C-alpha atoms as a PDB file:
ATOM      1  CA  MET A   1      -2.041  -2.606 -12.171  1.00  0.00           C
ATOM      2  CA  GLU A   2      -3.582  -5.781 -10.804  1.00  0.00           C
ATOM      3  CA  PHE A   3      -5.095  -5.039  -7.427  1.00  0.00           C
ATOM      4  CA  PRO A   4      -7.724  -6.315  -4.985  1.00  0.00           C
ATOM      5  CA  GLY A   5     -11.178  -4.768  -5.066  1.00  0.00           C
ATOM      6  CA  GLU A   6     -12.002  -1.658  -3.086  1.00  0.00           C
ATOM      7  CA  LEU A   7     -13.782  -3.641  -0.336  1.00  0.00           C
ATOM      8  CA  ASN A   8     -10.731  -5.873   0.180  1.00  0.00           C
ATOM      9  CA  LEU A   9      -8.504  -2.793   0.469  1.00  0.00           C
ATOM     10  CA  ILE A  10     -10.940  -1.214   2.952  1.00  0.00           C
ATOM     11  CA  SER A  11     -10.662  -4.425   4.985  1.00  0.00           C
ATOM     12  CA  VAL A  12      -6.854  -4.640   5.041  1.00  0.00           C
ATOM     13  CA  PHE A  13      -6.370  -0.888   5.679  1.00  0.00           C
ATOM     14  CA  GLU A  14      -9.379  -0.730   8.049  1.00  0.00           C
ATOM     15  CA  SER A  15     -10.231   2.619   6.481  1.00  0.00           C
ATOM     16  CA  ILE A  16     -12.732   4.113   4.051  1.00  0.00           C
ATOM     17  CA  PRO A  17     -10.722   5.827   1.301  1.00  0.00           C
ATOM     18  CA  GLU A  18     -10.889   9.517   0.649  1.00  0.00           C
ATOM     19  CA  ARG A  19     -11.446   9.745  -3.099  1.00  0.00           C
ATOM     20  CA  ARG A  20     -10.584  12.594  -5.428  1.00  0.00           C
ATOM     21  CA  ASP A  21     -13.672  12.024  -7.608  1.00  0.00           C
ATOM     22  CA  ARG A  22     -16.460   9.835  -6.163  1.00  0.00           C
ATOM     23  CA  THR A  23     -18.240   9.803  -9.535  1.00  0.00           C
ATOM     24  CA  ASP A  24     -15.281   8.035 -11.170  1.00  0.00           C
ATOM     25  CA  ASP A  25     -14.594   4.304 -11.001  1.00  0.00           C
ATOM     26  CA  PHE A  26     -12.261   3.260  -8.133  1.00  0.00           C
ATOM     27  CA  TYR A  27      -9.722   1.919 -10.659  1.00  0.00           C
ATOM     28  CA  ASN A  28      -9.479   5.290 -12.434  1.00  0.00           C
ATOM     29  CA  ASP A  29      -9.574   7.433  -9.304  1.00  0.00           C
ATOM     30  CA  LYS A  30      -6.922   8.425  -6.747  1.00  0.00           C
ATOM     31  CA  SER A  31      -7.730   7.108  -3.251  1.00  0.00           C
ATOM     32  CA  THR A  32      -6.148   7.904   0.104  1.00  0.00           C
ATOM     33  CA  PHE A  33      -6.441   5.457   3.013  1.00  0.00           C
ATOM     34  CA  SER A  34      -5.560   6.848   6.474  1.00  0.00           C
ATOM     35  CA  PHE A  35      -5.260   4.431   9.383  1.00  0.00           C
ATOM     36  CA  GLU A  36      -3.184   3.480  12.447  1.00  0.00           C
ATOM     37  CA  ASN A  37      -1.810   0.547  14.320  1.00  0.00           C
ATOM     38  CA  GLU A  38      -0.680   0.737  17.949  1.00  0.00           C
ATOM     39  CA  HIS A  39       2.631   2.471  17.108  1.00  0.00           C
ATOM     40  CA  GLU A  40       2.388   4.102  13.680  1.00  0.00           C
ATOM     41  CA  ALA A  41       0.042   6.244  11.589  1.00  0.00           C
ATOM     42  CA  PHE A  42      -0.252   5.477   7.865  1.00  0.00           C
ATOM     43  CA  GLU A  43      -1.364   7.224   4.732  1.00  0.00           C
ATOM     44  CA  VAL A  44      -1.569   5.046   1.619  1.00  0.00           C
ATOM     45  CA  ILE A  45      -2.300   6.685  -1.727  1.00  0.00           C
ATOM     46  CA  LEU A  46      -3.375   4.471  -4.622  1.00  0.00           C
ATOM     47  CA  SER A  47      -3.965   5.308  -8.254  1.00  0.00           C
ATOM     48  CA  PRO A  48      -4.394   1.921  -9.968  1.00  0.00           C
ATOM     49  CA  PHE A  49      -4.881   3.248 -13.512  1.00  0.00           C
ATOM     50  CA  TYR A  50      -1.565   5.133 -13.328  1.00  0.00           C
ATOM     51  CA  GLN A  51       0.159   2.254 -11.460  1.00  0.00           C
ATOM     52  CA  GLU A  52       1.038   4.588  -8.586  1.00  0.00           C
ATOM     53  CA  PHE A  53       1.409   3.654  -4.927  1.00  0.00           C
ATOM     54  CA  ALA A  54       2.694   5.836  -2.081  1.00  0.00           C
ATOM     55  CA  ILE A  55       2.949   5.200   1.642  1.00  0.00           C
ATOM     56  CA  ASN A  56       3.751   7.668   4.406  1.00  0.00           C
ATOM     57  CA  VAL A  57       4.405   6.209   7.868  1.00  0.00           C
ATOM     58  CA  LYS A  58       4.763   8.325  11.022  1.00  0.00           C
ATOM     59  CA  ASP A  59       5.526   7.447  14.627  1.00  0.00           C
ATOM     60  CA  LYS A  60       2.342   8.141  16.607  1.00  0.00           C
ATOM     61  CA  LYS A  61       4.125   9.497  19.695  1.00  0.00           C
ATOM     62  CA  THR A  62       6.610  11.825  18.015  1.00  0.00           C
ATOM     63  CA  THR A  63       4.906  12.338  14.602  1.00  0.00           C
ATOM     64  CA  ASN A  64       8.340  11.848  13.015  1.00  0.00           C
ATOM     65  CA  VAL A  65       8.272  10.398   9.528  1.00  0.00           C
ATOM     66  CA  LEU A  66       9.560   6.820   9.660  1.00  0.00           C
ATOM     67  CA  SER A  67       9.142   6.117   5.969  1.00  0.00           C
ATOM     68  CA  TYR A  68       7.903   7.782   2.803  1.00  0.00           C
ATOM     69  CA  ILE A  69       7.931   5.784  -0.412  1.00  0.00           C
ATOM     70  CA  GLU A  70       6.481   6.485  -3.866  1.00  0.00           C
ATOM     71  CA  PHE A  71       6.343   3.998  -6.707  1.00  0.00           C
ATOM     72  CA  ARG A  72       5.265   4.943 -10.235  1.00  0.00           C
ATOM     73  CA  SER A  73       5.248   1.537 -11.912  1.00  0.00           C
ATOM     74  CA  VAL A  74       3.509  -0.978  -9.648  1.00  0.00           C
ATOM     75  CA  LYS A  75       2.335  -3.959 -11.663  1.00  0.00           C
ATOM     76  CA  LYS A  76       0.497  -5.776  -8.882  1.00  0.00           C
ATOM     77  CA  LEU A  77      -0.739  -5.228  -5.334  1.00  0.00           C
ATOM     78  CA  GLU A  78      -1.610  -8.312  -3.294  1.00  0.00           C
ATOM     79  CA  ILE A  79      -3.042  -8.764   0.176  1.00  0.00           C
ATOM     80  CA  VAL A  80      -0.844 -11.325   1.921  1.00  0.00           C
ATOM     81  CA  GLU A  81      -2.556 -11.270   5.336  1.00  0.00           C
ATOM     82  CA  ASP A  82      -5.706  -9.562   6.543  1.00  0.00           C
ATOM     83  CA  MET A  83      -6.383 -10.462  10.149  1.00  0.00           C
ATOM     84  CA  LYS A  84      -7.288  -8.380  13.185  1.00  0.00           C
ATOM     85  CA  ASP A  85      -3.792  -8.495  14.674  1.00  0.00           C
ATOM     86  CA  CYS A  86      -1.687  -8.992  11.524  1.00  0.00           C
ATOM     87  CA  SER A  87      -1.907  -7.433   8.070  1.00  0.00           C
ATOM     88  CA  LYS A  88       0.541  -7.405   5.180  1.00  0.00           C
ATOM     89  CA  ILE A  89       0.549  -6.382   1.514  1.00  0.00           C
ATOM     90  CA  ARG A  90       2.926  -7.191  -1.341  1.00  0.00           C
ATOM     91  CA  LEU A  91       3.804  -5.039  -4.355  1.00  0.00           C
ATOM     92  CA  ILE A  92       5.354  -6.203  -7.617  1.00  0.00           C
ATOM     93  CA  HIS A  93       7.312  -3.309  -9.086  1.00  0.00           C
ATOM     94  CA  GLY A  94       9.868  -2.441 -11.747  1.00  0.00           C
ATOM     95  CA  GLU A  95       9.844  -5.605 -13.832  1.00  0.00           C
ATOM     96  CA  THR A  96      12.554  -6.062 -16.436  1.00  0.00           C
ATOM     97  CA  GLU A  97      13.511  -9.039 -18.591  1.00  0.00           C
ATOM     98  CA  ARG A  98      15.844 -10.299 -15.873  1.00  0.00           C
ATOM     99  CA  PHE A  99      14.586  -8.888 -12.579  1.00  0.00           C
ATOM    100  CA  VAL A 100      11.450  -8.116 -10.609  1.00  0.00           C
ATOM    101  CA  ASN A 101      11.203  -6.054  -7.410  1.00  0.00           C
ATOM    102  CA  ILE A 102       9.068  -7.479  -4.632  1.00  0.00           C
ATOM    103  CA  ILE A 103       8.104  -5.238  -1.741  1.00  0.00           C
ATOM    104  CA  GLU A 104       6.429  -6.629   1.378  1.00  0.00           C
ATOM    105  CA  ILE A 105       4.889  -4.132   3.767  1.00  0.00           C
ATOM    106  CA  THR A 106       3.653  -5.253   7.175  1.00  0.00           C
ATOM    107  CA  LEU A 107       1.022  -2.897   8.572  1.00  0.00           C
ATOM    108  CA  LYS A 108       0.193  -4.692  11.835  1.00  0.00           C
ATOM    109  CA  PRO A 109       1.315  -5.364  14.489  1.00  0.00           C
ATOM    110  CA  ARG A 110       4.239  -3.030  13.630  1.00  0.00           C
ATOM    111  CA  TYR A 111       5.385  -1.458  10.391  1.00  0.00           C
ATOM    112  CA  LYS A 112       8.021  -3.391   8.466  1.00  0.00           C
ATOM    113  CA  PHE A 113       9.267  -2.837   4.920  1.00  0.00           C
ATOM    114  CA  ILE A 114      11.162  -5.521   2.974  1.00  0.00           C
ATOM    115  CA  PHE A 115      12.484  -4.866  -0.535  1.00  0.00           C
ATOM    116  CA  ARG A 116      13.883  -7.694  -2.690  1.00  0.00           C
ATOM    117  CA  GLU A 117      15.156  -7.623  -6.228  1.00  0.00           C
ATOM    118  CA  GLN A 118      15.161 -11.123  -7.623  1.00  0.00           C
ATOM    119  CA  TYR A 119      15.740 -12.943 -10.864  1.00  0.00           C
ATOM    120  CA  ARG A 120      12.608 -13.765 -12.836  1.00  0.00           C
END
């Protein structure tokens, strides 16, 4: 998986990750970022070596799960925007000879999930 460095992820998620094994390299470890915006609470779990990405989004007022998504074959994670009032990431997932899946996840100001399958 191609991904930004740990400091860039800390910046976009505004959270220090909880790591399974602090003695291991970030790339080989499993990291959990927990953070909030004004309306939702997030938990993002990354395991770059295994190309795994999961996100759990809950409504802050009701604690109802709004979204839970797990991907096992993420090829790339990009930071699209990282500003105080707006942040967004992009995942490249499930590439085939003809198609690629592009997932855009807006974290601030409100959660938004866009999934596109497009021709390569």
